[in-house]
Amino acid sequence: MGVVTDFYKFKYRKDHYYLDVFINKGAIPNIESALNEILSDKYIPKDSQCAYMKLKELFQEARKSTSHVYAEIKIHKCYLRYINNLYLYFFDRKEYRALKELSDYFHLYIVEDIENIANFITLSEDVKIRILSNI
């Protein structure tokens, strides 16, 4: 587990924390509706509840901050898991199709991170130390 922790110290430097996403403003109310619906569920864990609240705030701020067709959202990578869970919760509902697109888009970043971890783990200890000491 120490190797994975060291990798994340390397991977999630300031410039790697956030993803900039442009999303159609017409899809944001549907995503907000899904967030409202899942937040009304009494059986979600506290950490998920906090993450969904933060996501709801991000989408609301993005929708209100622009008059263009697309809104820019700067999203922290730690929320990718929650967006994927939100999609899986509503995968059979057509009104939340935007969640599928968002989840598929973020899935590429999740796969990339997994591949980077696998590559980092295969490095020798000396190389890992040199990489991590240059941060």
N, C-alpha and C. Protein backbone atom coordinates (compact mmCIF):
# COMPACT_ATOMS: atom_id res chain seq x y z
N MET A 1 0.83 -1.20 0.00
CA MET A 1 0.00 0.00 0.00
C MET A 1 0.87 1.26 0.00
N GLY A 2 2.08 1.15 0.57
CA GLY A 2 2.97 2.30 0.61
C GLY A 2 3.35 2.78 -0.77
N VAL A 3 3.51 1.85 -1.69
CA VAL A 3 3.86 2.21 -3.06
C VAL A 3 2.74 3.03 -3.70
N VAL A 4 1.51 2.61 -3.48
CA VAL A 4 0.37 3.33 -4.05
C VAL A 4 0.28 4.72 -3.44
N THR A 5 0.49 4.83 -2.13
CA THR A 5 0.45 6.14 -1.47
C THR A 5 1.54 7.04 -2.02
N ASP A 6 2.75 6.51 -2.18
CA ASP A 6 3.84 7.29 -2.75
C ASP A 6 3.50 7.74 -4.16
N PHE A 7 2.88 6.86 -4.92
CA PHE A 7 2.51 7.22 -6.28
C PHE A 7 1.54 8.39 -6.27
N TYR A 8 0.54 8.34 -5.39
CA TYR A 8 -0.44 9.42 -5.36
C TYR A 8 0.19 10.74 -4.94
N LYS A 9 1.19 10.69 -4.09
CA LYS A 9 1.90 11.93 -3.75
C LYS A 9 2.55 12.51 -5.00
N PHE A 10 3.06 11.62 -5.85
CA PHE A 10 3.66 12.05 -7.10
C PHE A 10 2.60 12.49 -8.10
N LYS A 11 1.58 11.68 -8.28
CA LYS A 11 0.59 11.92 -9.33
C LYS A 11 -0.26 13.15 -9.07
N TYR A 12 -0.68 13.34 -7.82
CA TYR A 12 -1.63 14.41 -7.54
C TYR A 12 -0.93 15.67 -7.04
N ARG A 13 0.05 16.09 -7.77
CA ARG A 13 0.60 17.41 -7.52
C ARG A 13 -0.49 18.41 -7.86
N LYS A 14 -0.25 19.66 -7.55
CA LYS A 14 -1.28 20.69 -7.76
C LYS A 14 -1.85 20.70 -9.17
N ASP A 15 -1.00 20.53 -10.16
CA ASP A 15 -1.48 20.61 -11.54
C ASP A 15 -2.25 19.37 -11.98
N HIS A 16 -2.27 18.33 -11.16
CA HIS A 16 -2.99 17.11 -11.53
C HIS A 16 -4.26 16.88 -10.72
N TYR A 17 -4.57 17.76 -9.80
CA TYR A 17 -5.75 17.55 -8.94
C TYR A 17 -7.06 17.69 -9.69
N TYR A 18 -7.14 18.65 -10.58
CA TYR A 18 -8.42 19.03 -11.17
C TYR A 18 -8.50 18.72 -12.66
N LEU A 19 -9.73 18.48 -13.10
CA LEU A 19 -10.01 18.32 -14.52
C LEU A 19 -10.94 19.45 -14.93
N ASP A 20 -10.64 20.08 -16.04
CA ASP A 20 -11.53 21.11 -16.58
C ASP A 20 -12.46 20.44 -17.57
N VAL A 21 -13.76 20.62 -17.34
CA VAL A 21 -14.77 19.97 -18.17
C VAL A 21 -15.73 21.02 -18.68
N PHE A 22 -16.04 20.95 -19.97
CA PHE A 22 -17.09 21.80 -20.53
C PHE A 22 -18.31 20.91 -20.75
N ILE A 23 -19.42 21.33 -20.19
CA ILE A 23 -20.64 20.52 -20.26
C ILE A 23 -21.79 21.39 -20.74
N ASN A 24 -22.66 20.80 -21.53
CA ASN A 24 -23.83 21.50 -22.05
C ASN A 24 -24.70 21.95 -20.88
N LYS A 25 -25.05 23.24 -20.87
CA LYS A 25 -25.86 23.76 -19.77
C LYS A 25 -27.23 23.10 -19.69
N GLY A 26 -27.74 22.61 -20.80
CA GLY A 26 -29.03 21.93 -20.79
C GLY A 26 -29.01 20.61 -20.03
N ALA A 27 -27.83 20.01 -19.90
CA ALA A 27 -27.71 18.73 -19.18
C ALA A 27 -27.54 18.93 -17.68
N ILE A 28 -27.11 20.11 -17.28
CA ILE A 28 -26.83 20.34 -15.86
C ILE A 28 -28.07 20.20 -14.98
N PRO A 29 -29.24 20.74 -15.36
CA PRO A 29 -30.42 20.53 -14.49
C PRO A 29 -30.76 19.05 -14.28
N ASN A 30 -30.54 18.22 -15.29
CA ASN A 30 -30.78 16.78 -15.13
C ASN A 30 -29.81 16.17 -14.13
N ILE A 31 -28.56 16.59 -14.19
CA ILE A 31 -27.56 16.08 -13.25
C ILE A 31 -27.89 16.56 -11.84
N GLU A 32 -28.29 17.83 -11.72
CA GLU A 32 -28.69 18.35 -10.41
C GLU A 32 -29.89 17.59 -9.87
N SER A 33 -30.82 17.25 -10.74
CA SER A 33 -31.99 16.48 -10.33
C SER A 33 -31.59 15.10 -9.80
N ALA A 34 -30.65 14.46 -10.49
CA ALA A 34 -30.15 13.16 -10.03
C ALA A 34 -29.47 13.30 -8.67
N LEU A 35 -28.70 14.37 -8.50
CA LEU A 35 -28.04 14.60 -7.22
C LEU A 35 -29.07 14.83 -6.11
N ASN A 36 -30.11 15.61 -6.41
CA ASN A 36 -31.16 15.83 -5.42
C ASN A 36 -31.84 14.51 -5.03
N GLU A 37 -32.08 13.69 -6.04
CA GLU A 37 -32.76 12.42 -5.78
C GLU A 37 -31.91 11.48 -4.92
N ILE A 38 -30.62 11.42 -5.22
CA ILE A 38 -29.77 10.52 -4.43
C ILE A 38 -29.54 11.08 -3.03
N LEU A 39 -29.53 12.41 -2.90
CA LEU A 39 -29.37 13.01 -1.58
C LEU A 39 -30.60 12.79 -0.70
N SER A 40 -31.74 12.57 -1.32
CA SER A 40 -32.95 12.31 -0.54
C SER A 40 -32.99 10.87 -0.02
N ASP A 41 -32.09 10.02 -0.53
CA ASP A 41 -32.01 8.64 -0.06
C ASP A 41 -31.43 8.64 1.35
N LYS A 42 -32.09 7.98 2.25
CA LYS A 42 -31.68 8.00 3.66
C LYS A 42 -30.52 7.05 3.94
N TYR A 43 -30.18 6.20 3.00
CA TYR A 43 -29.23 5.13 3.27
C TYR A 43 -27.88 5.30 2.58
N ILE A 44 -27.52 6.51 2.18
CA ILE A 44 -26.19 6.69 1.59
C ILE A 44 -25.22 7.07 2.71
N PRO A 45 -23.97 6.64 2.60
CA PRO A 45 -22.98 6.96 3.63
C PRO A 45 -22.71 8.46 3.72
N LYS A 46 -22.20 8.88 4.85
CA LYS A 46 -21.96 10.30 5.10
C LYS A 46 -20.94 10.88 4.12
N ASP A 47 -19.88 10.14 3.81
CA ASP A 47 -18.88 10.66 2.87
C ASP A 47 -19.48 10.85 1.48
N SER A 48 -20.34 9.93 1.06
CA SER A 48 -21.00 10.07 -0.24
C SER A 48 -21.95 11.25 -0.23
N GLN A 49 -22.63 11.43 0.86
CA GLN A 49 -23.56 12.55 0.99
C GLN A 49 -22.81 13.88 0.85
N CYS A 50 -21.67 13.99 1.51
CA CYS A 50 -20.86 15.22 1.41
C CYS A 50 -20.35 15.43 -0.01
N ALA A 51 -19.91 14.36 -0.65
CA ALA A 51 -19.40 14.47 -2.02
C ALA A 51 -20.51 14.89 -2.98
N TYR A 52 -21.69 14.32 -2.83
CA TYR A 52 -22.81 14.68 -3.70
C TYR A 52 -23.25 16.12 -3.47
N MET A 53 -23.18 16.58 -2.23
CA MET A 53 -23.51 17.99 -1.94
C MET A 53 -22.52 18.92 -2.64
N LYS A 54 -21.24 18.57 -2.57
CA LYS A 54 -20.21 19.39 -3.21
C LYS A 54 -20.37 19.37 -4.73
N LEU A 55 -20.68 18.22 -5.29
CA LEU A 55 -20.92 18.14 -6.73
C LEU A 55 -22.11 18.99 -7.13
N LYS A 56 -23.15 18.96 -6.34
CA LYS A 56 -24.34 19.76 -6.62
C LYS A 56 -23.99 21.24 -6.63
N GLU A 57 -23.18 21.68 -5.66
CA GLU A 57 -22.74 23.08 -5.62
C GLU A 57 -21.92 23.42 -6.86
N LEU A 58 -21.02 22.53 -7.26
CA LEU A 58 -20.18 22.78 -8.44
C LEU A 58 -21.03 22.95 -9.70
N PHE A 59 -22.00 22.07 -9.88
CA PHE A 59 -22.85 22.15 -11.07
C PHE A 59 -23.74 23.39 -11.04
N GLN A 60 -24.25 23.74 -9.87
CA GLN A 60 -25.09 24.95 -9.76
C GLN A 60 -24.28 26.20 -10.06
N GLU A 61 -23.07 26.29 -9.49
CA GLU A 61 -22.22 27.46 -9.73
C GLU A 61 -21.85 27.56 -11.21
N ALA A 62 -21.54 26.44 -11.83
CA ALA A 62 -21.18 26.44 -13.25
C ALA A 62 -22.35 26.89 -14.11
N ARG A 63 -23.53 26.42 -13.78
CA ARG A 63 -24.72 26.78 -14.56
C ARG A 63 -25.03 28.27 -14.43
N LYS A 64 -24.87 28.81 -13.23
CA LYS A 64 -25.21 30.22 -12.98
C LYS A 64 -24.13 31.19 -13.45
N SER A 65 -22.90 30.70 -13.60
CA SER A 65 -21.79 31.60 -13.88
C SER A 65 -21.60 31.95 -15.35
N THR A 66 -22.35 31.34 -16.24
CA THR A 66 -22.14 31.60 -17.66
C THR A 66 -23.47 31.75 -18.39
N SER A 67 -23.41 32.51 -19.47
CA SER A 67 -24.59 32.65 -20.32
C SER A 67 -24.41 31.89 -21.63
N HIS A 68 -23.29 31.20 -21.76
CA HIS A 68 -22.99 30.43 -22.96
C HIS A 68 -23.72 29.09 -22.95
N VAL A 69 -23.64 28.40 -24.07
CA VAL A 69 -24.28 27.09 -24.20
C VAL A 69 -23.57 26.05 -23.33
N TYR A 70 -22.26 26.19 -23.19
CA TYR A 70 -21.47 25.25 -22.39
C TYR A 70 -20.98 25.93 -21.13
N ALA A 71 -20.99 25.18 -20.05
CA ALA A 71 -20.48 25.68 -18.77
C ALA A 71 -19.18 24.95 -18.46
N GLU A 72 -18.24 25.68 -17.87
CA GLU A 72 -16.96 25.08 -17.49
C GLU A 72 -17.03 24.67 -16.03
N ILE A 73 -16.63 23.44 -15.78
CA ILE A 73 -16.59 22.93 -14.41
C ILE A 73 -15.17 22.44 -14.15
N LYS A 74 -14.60 22.93 -13.06
CA LYS A 74 -13.29 22.46 -12.63
C LYS A 74 -13.54 21.47 -11.50
N ILE A 75 -13.34 20.20 -11.80
CA ILE A 75 -13.73 19.15 -10.86
C ILE A 75 -12.50 18.40 -10.34
N HIS A 76 -12.49 18.18 -9.06
CA HIS A 76 -11.40 17.45 -8.40
C HIS A 76 -11.51 15.97 -8.75
N LYS A 77 -10.37 15.33 -8.95
CA LYS A 77 -10.38 13.93 -9.35
C LYS A 77 -10.99 13.00 -8.31
N CYS A 78 -11.03 13.42 -7.06
CA CYS A 78 -11.61 12.55 -6.04
C CYS A 78 -13.11 12.36 -6.24
N TYR A 79 -13.76 13.23 -7.01
CA TYR A 79 -15.20 13.11 -7.23
C TYR A 79 -15.57 12.21 -8.41
N LEU A 80 -14.58 11.74 -9.14
CA LEU A 80 -14.87 10.89 -10.30
C LEU A 80 -15.59 9.61 -9.89
N ARG A 81 -15.17 9.06 -8.78
CA ARG A 81 -15.80 7.84 -8.27
C ARG A 81 -17.27 8.06 -7.96
N TYR A 82 -17.58 9.22 -7.39
CA TYR A 82 -18.96 9.51 -7.02
C TYR A 82 -19.84 9.77 -8.25
N ILE A 83 -19.26 10.37 -9.27
CA ILE A 83 -20.02 10.56 -10.51
C ILE A 83 -20.31 9.21 -11.15
N ASN A 84 -19.32 8.32 -11.13
CA ASN A 84 -19.55 6.98 -11.66
C ASN A 84 -20.62 6.24 -10.85
N ASN A 85 -20.58 6.35 -9.53
CA ASN A 85 -21.60 5.71 -8.69
C ASN A 85 -22.98 6.30 -8.96
N LEU A 86 -23.02 7.60 -9.19
CA LEU A 86 -24.29 8.25 -9.50
C LEU A 86 -24.86 7.71 -10.81
N TYR A 87 -24.00 7.56 -11.80
CA TYR A 87 -24.45 6.98 -13.08
C TYR A 87 -24.97 5.56 -12.88
N LEU A 88 -24.23 4.75 -12.12
CA LEU A 88 -24.65 3.36 -11.91
C LEU A 88 -25.98 3.29 -11.16
N TYR A 89 -26.22 4.24 -10.28
CA TYR A 89 -27.47 4.28 -9.53
C TYR A 89 -28.66 4.56 -10.45
N PHE A 90 -28.43 5.38 -11.49
CA PHE A 90 -29.51 5.80 -12.39
C PHE A 90 -29.34 5.28 -13.82
N PHE A 91 -28.57 4.22 -14.02
CA PHE A 91 -28.23 3.81 -15.39
C PHE A 91 -29.43 3.46 -16.25
N ASP A 92 -30.54 3.05 -15.65
CA ASP A 92 -31.69 2.63 -16.44
C ASP A 92 -32.71 3.75 -16.68
N ARG A 93 -32.38 4.97 -16.28
CA ARG A 93 -33.32 6.09 -16.42
C ARG A 93 -32.86 7.00 -17.55
N LYS A 94 -33.71 7.16 -18.55
CA LYS A 94 -33.35 7.93 -19.75
C LYS A 94 -33.12 9.40 -19.47
N GLU A 95 -33.82 9.96 -18.50
CA GLU A 95 -33.66 11.40 -18.22
C GLU A 95 -32.28 11.73 -17.66
N TYR A 96 -31.54 10.72 -17.22
CA TYR A 96 -30.20 10.95 -16.68
C TYR A 96 -29.12 10.43 -17.62
N ARG A 97 -29.39 10.48 -18.91
CA ARG A 97 -28.42 10.05 -19.92
C ARG A 97 -27.12 10.85 -19.86
N ALA A 98 -27.23 12.10 -19.44
CA ALA A 98 -26.03 12.94 -19.35
C ALA A 98 -25.02 12.36 -18.36
N LEU A 99 -25.50 11.66 -17.36
CA LEU A 99 -24.60 11.03 -16.39
C LEU A 99 -23.75 9.95 -17.06
N LYS A 100 -24.34 9.24 -18.01
CA LYS A 100 -23.58 8.21 -18.72
C LYS A 100 -22.44 8.84 -19.51
N GLU A 101 -22.74 9.92 -20.21
CA GLU A 101 -21.71 10.60 -20.99
C GLU A 101 -20.59 11.12 -20.08
N LEU A 102 -20.98 11.71 -18.98
CA LEU A 102 -20.00 12.25 -18.03
C LEU A 102 -19.18 11.12 -17.42
N SER A 103 -19.83 10.05 -17.05
CA SER A 103 -19.13 8.90 -16.46
C SER A 103 -18.17 8.27 -17.47
N ASP A 104 -18.60 8.12 -18.71
CA ASP A 104 -17.73 7.56 -19.74
C ASP A 104 -16.51 8.44 -19.98
N TYR A 105 -16.73 9.75 -19.98
CA TYR A 105 -15.63 10.69 -20.18
C TYR A 105 -14.62 10.58 -19.04
N PHE A 106 -15.11 10.54 -17.81
CA PHE A 106 -14.21 10.45 -16.65
C PHE A 106 -13.58 9.07 -16.52
N HIS A 107 -14.23 8.06 -17.07
CA HIS A 107 -13.67 6.71 -17.02
C HIS A 107 -12.30 6.66 -17.69
N LEU A 108 -12.12 7.45 -18.73
CA LEU A 108 -10.82 7.51 -19.40
C LEU A 108 -9.73 7.96 -18.45
N TYR A 109 -10.03 8.93 -17.60
CA TYR A 109 -9.04 9.40 -16.63
C TYR A 109 -8.78 8.37 -15.54
N ILE A 110 -9.81 7.65 -15.14
CA ILE A 110 -9.63 6.61 -14.13
C ILE A 110 -8.73 5.51 -14.67
N VAL A 111 -8.96 5.08 -15.90
CA VAL A 111 -8.14 4.04 -16.53
C VAL A 111 -6.70 4.53 -16.67
N GLU A 112 -6.53 5.77 -17.05
CA GLU A 112 -5.18 6.33 -17.19
C GLU A 112 -4.46 6.32 -15.85
N ASP A 113 -5.14 6.68 -14.78
CA ASP A 113 -4.52 6.65 -13.45
C ASP A 113 -4.12 5.24 -13.05
N ILE A 114 -4.97 4.27 -13.34
CA ILE A 114 -4.65 2.88 -13.01
C ILE A 114 -3.42 2.42 -13.79
N GLU A 115 -3.34 2.78 -15.06
CA GLU A 115 -2.17 2.41 -15.87
C GLU A 115 -0.92 3.09 -15.34
N ASN A 116 -1.04 4.35 -14.92
CA ASN A 116 0.12 5.05 -14.37
C ASN A 116 0.58 4.42 -13.07
N ILE A 117 -0.35 4.00 -12.23
CA ILE A 117 0.02 3.32 -10.98
C ILE A 117 0.75 2.02 -11.31
N ALA A 118 0.23 1.27 -12.26
CA ALA A 118 0.87 0.01 -12.64
C ALA A 118 2.28 0.25 -13.16
N ASN A 119 2.47 1.29 -13.95
CA ASN A 119 3.81 1.62 -14.45
C ASN A 119 4.73 2.05 -13.33
N PHE A 120 4.21 2.82 -12.40
CA PHE A 120 5.02 3.31 -11.28
C PHE A 120 5.46 2.15 -10.39
N ILE A 121 4.57 1.21 -10.16
CA ILE A 121 4.88 0.07 -9.29
C ILE A 121 6.00 -0.78 -9.88
N THR A 122 6.10 -0.86 -11.19
CA THR A 122 7.13 -1.69 -11.82
C THR A 122 8.52 -1.05 -11.78
N LEU A 123 8.61 0.22 -11.44
CA LEU A 123 9.91 0.89 -11.39
C LEU A 123 10.73 0.37 -10.21
N SER A 124 12.04 0.49 -10.33
CA SER A 124 12.90 0.10 -9.21
C SER A 124 12.78 1.14 -8.10
N GLU A 125 13.17 0.75 -6.89
CA GLU A 125 13.06 1.64 -5.72
C GLU A 125 13.87 2.92 -5.93
N ASP A 126 15.05 2.81 -6.52
CA ASP A 126 15.89 4.00 -6.73
C ASP A 126 15.20 5.00 -7.65
N VAL A 127 14.59 4.52 -8.70
CA VAL A 127 13.90 5.40 -9.64
C VAL A 127 12.70 6.05 -8.96
N LYS A 128 11.96 5.28 -8.19
CA LYS A 128 10.81 5.83 -7.46
C LYS A 128 11.25 6.95 -6.52
N ILE A 129 12.34 6.72 -5.81
CA ILE A 129 12.84 7.73 -4.87
C ILE A 129 13.27 8.98 -5.61
N ARG A 130 13.95 8.82 -6.75
CA ARG A 130 14.36 10.00 -7.53
C ARG A 130 13.15 10.77 -8.04
N ILE A 131 12.14 10.06 -8.51
CA ILE A 131 10.93 10.73 -9.01
C ILE A 131 10.25 11.49 -7.89
N LEU A 132 10.06 10.82 -6.77
CA LEU A 132 9.33 11.44 -5.66
C LEU A 132 10.12 12.57 -5.01
N SER A 133 11.45 12.50 -5.04
CA SER A 133 12.25 13.57 -4.43
C SER A 133 12.28 14.83 -5.30
N ASN A 134 11.91 14.73 -6.56
CA ASN A 134 11.88 15.89 -7.45
C ASN A 134 10.57 16.65 -7.40
N ILE A 135 9.67 16.23 -6.56
CA ILE A 135 8.36 16.90 -6.48
C ILE A 135 8.49 18.19 -5.73
